Structure formats: structure tokens, C-alpha cells
């Protein structure tokens, strides 16, 4: 006897942020409010793009960046998730 089964597979996508890199809060001048920020590398991972593509989004003004006193750059998380 042959048994036929139908299987329905539903796929969802989740972005997982690395443990140990907590989002820092900073003032985003474009959003005009305090927002959570991510390092550029982690922001690129969340969008699943490379650093060069992220730089293109930043240059186009689609993703906001914040310069820290240390000289590092952070990405505004609100603008990052607006890309989704």
C-alpha cells in the first residue's frame, strides 16, 4: 500500500544580532531623536549585504550614520529597519 502525504512548509526570516554587541543609544540628527545604533559591520549583516552596498545606502541618505567621539561610526537602527 502506498501512502501519500502533503507537507506544507512555511519559511520566515529572522535577523539575529550577535550576542555581546549591545546596541548603543545616540542622537540621530536625521530622525531628531535618541535611537539605538549598530556598528556598520553588524548593520550590513542585518541587511545581508556587504560593506560596499551599505556604504552606497549611506551615501544615498537611505541609512543614517552617527559619528561617535571615539571616531567610530554607528548606524541608526530605525533607518536600518526602514530598508526592510
C-alpha atoms as a PDB file:
ATOM      1  CA  UNK A   1       0.000   0.000   0.000  1.00  0.00           C
ATOM      2  CA  UNK A   2       1.320   3.421  -0.992  1.00  0.00           C
ATOM      3  CA  UNK A   3       0.871   6.350   1.420  1.00  0.00           C
ATOM      4  CA  UNK A   4       0.910   9.879   0.047  1.00  0.00           C
ATOM      5  CA  UNK A   5       1.388  12.817   2.364  1.00  0.00           C
ATOM      6  CA  UNK A   6       1.244  16.515   1.651  1.00  0.00           C
ATOM      7  CA  UNK A   7       3.578  18.704   3.632  1.00  0.00           C
ATOM      8  CA  UNK A   8       3.216  22.457   3.846  1.00  0.00           C
ATOM      9  CA  UNK A   9       6.426  24.321   4.658  1.00  0.00           C
ATOM     10  CA  UNK A  10       6.336  27.934   5.763  1.00  0.00           C
ATOM     11  CA  UNK A  11       9.596  29.847   5.862  1.00  0.00           C
ATOM     12  CA  UNK A  12      10.124  33.034   7.825  1.00  0.00           C
ATOM     13  CA  UNK A  13      13.257  35.109   8.006  1.00  0.00           C
ATOM     14  CA  UNK A  14      14.696  36.412  11.260  1.00  0.00           C
ATOM     15  CA  UNK A  15      17.646  38.701  11.824  1.00  0.00           C
ATOM     16  CA  UNK A  16      19.792  37.635  14.731  1.00  0.00           C
ATOM     17  CA  UNK A  17      22.080  40.173  16.308  1.00  0.00           C
ATOM     18  CA  UNK A  18      25.339  38.869  17.696  1.00  0.00           C
ATOM     19  CA  UNK A  19      25.485  38.455  21.425  1.00  0.00           C
ATOM     20  CA  UNK A  20      27.996  40.694  23.120  1.00  0.00           C
ATOM     21  CA  UNK A  21      27.464  43.718  20.868  1.00  0.00           C
ATOM     22  CA  UNK A  22      24.710  45.637  22.609  1.00  0.00           C
ATOM     23  CA  UNK A  23      23.049  48.403  20.634  1.00  0.00           C
ATOM     24  CA  UNK A  24      24.199  51.783  21.944  1.00  0.00           C
ATOM     25  CA  UNK A  25      21.882  54.776  22.111  1.00  0.00           C
ATOM     26  CA  UNK A  26      22.834  58.013  20.387  1.00  0.00           C
ATOM     27  CA  UNK A  27      21.098  61.067  18.949  1.00  0.00           C
ATOM     28  CA  UNK A  28      20.312  60.722  15.237  1.00  0.00           C
ATOM     29  CA  UNK A  29      20.205  64.193  13.689  1.00  0.00           C
ATOM     30  CA  UNK A  30      18.070  62.971  10.771  1.00  0.00           C
ATOM     31  CA  UNK A  31      15.455  61.234  12.952  1.00  0.00           C
ATOM     32  CA  UNK A  32      15.794  64.070  15.520  1.00  0.00           C
ATOM     33  CA  UNK A  33      15.627  61.653  18.439  1.00  0.00           C
ATOM     34  CA  UNK A  34      17.711  59.270  20.530  1.00  0.00           C
ATOM     35  CA  UNK A  35      17.866  55.907  18.746  1.00  0.00           C
ATOM     36  CA  UNK A  36      19.589  52.564  19.118  1.00  0.00           C
ATOM     37  CA  UNK A  37      22.637  52.218  16.901  1.00  0.00           C
ATOM     38  CA  UNK A  38      24.622  49.325  15.477  1.00  0.00           C
ATOM     39  CA  UNK A  39      28.215  49.042  14.274  1.00  0.00           C
ATOM     40  CA  UNK A  40      28.494  49.261  10.476  1.00  0.00           C
ATOM     41  CA  UNK A  41      29.562  45.630  10.116  1.00  0.00           C
ATOM     42  CA  UNK A  42      26.616  44.379  12.120  1.00  0.00           C
ATOM     43  CA  UNK A  43      24.237  46.656  10.208  1.00  0.00           C
ATOM     44  CA  UNK A  44      25.451  45.128   6.933  1.00  0.00           C
ATOM     45  CA  UNK A  45      24.894  41.637   8.367  1.00  0.00           C
ATOM     46  CA  UNK A  46      21.327  42.508   9.391  1.00  0.00           C
ATOM     47  CA  UNK A  47      20.539  43.667   5.844  1.00  0.00           C
ATOM     48  CA  UNK A  48      22.510  40.707   4.440  1.00  0.00           C
ATOM     49  CA  UNK A  49      24.652  42.958   2.252  1.00  0.00           C
ATOM     50  CA  UNK A  50      28.359  43.716   2.117  1.00  0.00           C
ATOM     51  CA  UNK A  51      30.064  46.835   3.436  1.00  0.00           C
ATOM     52  CA  UNK A  52      30.234  48.423  -0.002  1.00  0.00           C
ATOM     53  CA  UNK A  53      26.469  48.121  -0.505  1.00  0.00           C
ATOM     54  CA  UNK A  54      25.913  49.598   2.971  1.00  0.00           C
ATOM     55  CA  UNK A  55      28.195  52.495   2.060  1.00  0.00           C
ATOM     56  CA  UNK A  56      26.023  53.080  -1.018  1.00  0.00           C
ATOM     57  CA  UNK A  57      22.866  53.227   1.131  1.00  0.00           C
ATOM     58  CA  UNK A  58      24.602  55.668   3.481  1.00  0.00           C
ATOM     59  CA  UNK A  59      25.785  57.858   0.580  1.00  0.00           C
ATOM     60  CA  UNK A  60      22.245  57.898  -0.845  1.00  0.00           C
ATOM     61  CA  UNK A  61      20.905  59.029   2.543  1.00  0.00           C
ATOM     62  CA  UNK A  62      18.711  55.946   2.950  1.00  0.00           C
ATOM     63  CA  UNK A  63      20.590  54.846   6.098  1.00  0.00           C
ATOM     64  CA  UNK A  64      21.603  57.344   8.791  1.00  0.00           C
ATOM     65  CA  UNK A  65      25.001  57.283  10.480  1.00  0.00           C
ATOM     66  CA  UNK A  66      26.246  58.857  13.684  1.00  0.00           C
ATOM     67  CA  UNK A  67      29.885  59.722  14.364  1.00  0.00           C
ATOM     68  CA  UNK A  68      30.974  58.836  17.893  1.00  0.00           C
ATOM     69  CA  UNK A  69      33.565  60.737  19.922  1.00  0.00           C
ATOM     70  CA  UNK A  70      35.869  57.710  19.581  1.00  0.00           C
ATOM     71  CA  UNK A  71      35.904  58.211  15.792  1.00  0.00           C
ATOM     72  CA  UNK A  72      33.783  55.133  15.115  1.00  0.00           C
ATOM     73  CA  UNK A  73      30.608  55.302  13.045  1.00  0.00           C
ATOM     74  CA  UNK A  74      27.318  53.733  14.094  1.00  0.00           C
ATOM     75  CA  UNK A  75      24.187  53.137  12.026  1.00  0.00           C
ATOM     76  CA  UNK A  76      20.783  54.391  13.184  1.00  0.00           C
ATOM     77  CA  UNK A  77      18.762  51.244  13.792  1.00  0.00           C
ATOM     78  CA  UNK A  78      15.444  52.958  12.915  1.00  0.00           C
ATOM     79  CA  UNK A  79      16.700  53.898   9.442  1.00  0.00           C
ATOM     80  CA  UNK A  80      18.224  50.456   9.017  1.00  0.00           C
ATOM     81  CA  UNK A  81      14.935  48.634   9.586  1.00  0.00           C
ATOM     82  CA  UNK A  82      13.116  51.093   7.329  1.00  0.00           C
ATOM     83  CA  UNK A  83      15.066  49.382   4.498  1.00  0.00           C
ATOM     84  CA  UNK A  84      13.233  46.080   5.100  1.00  0.00           C
END
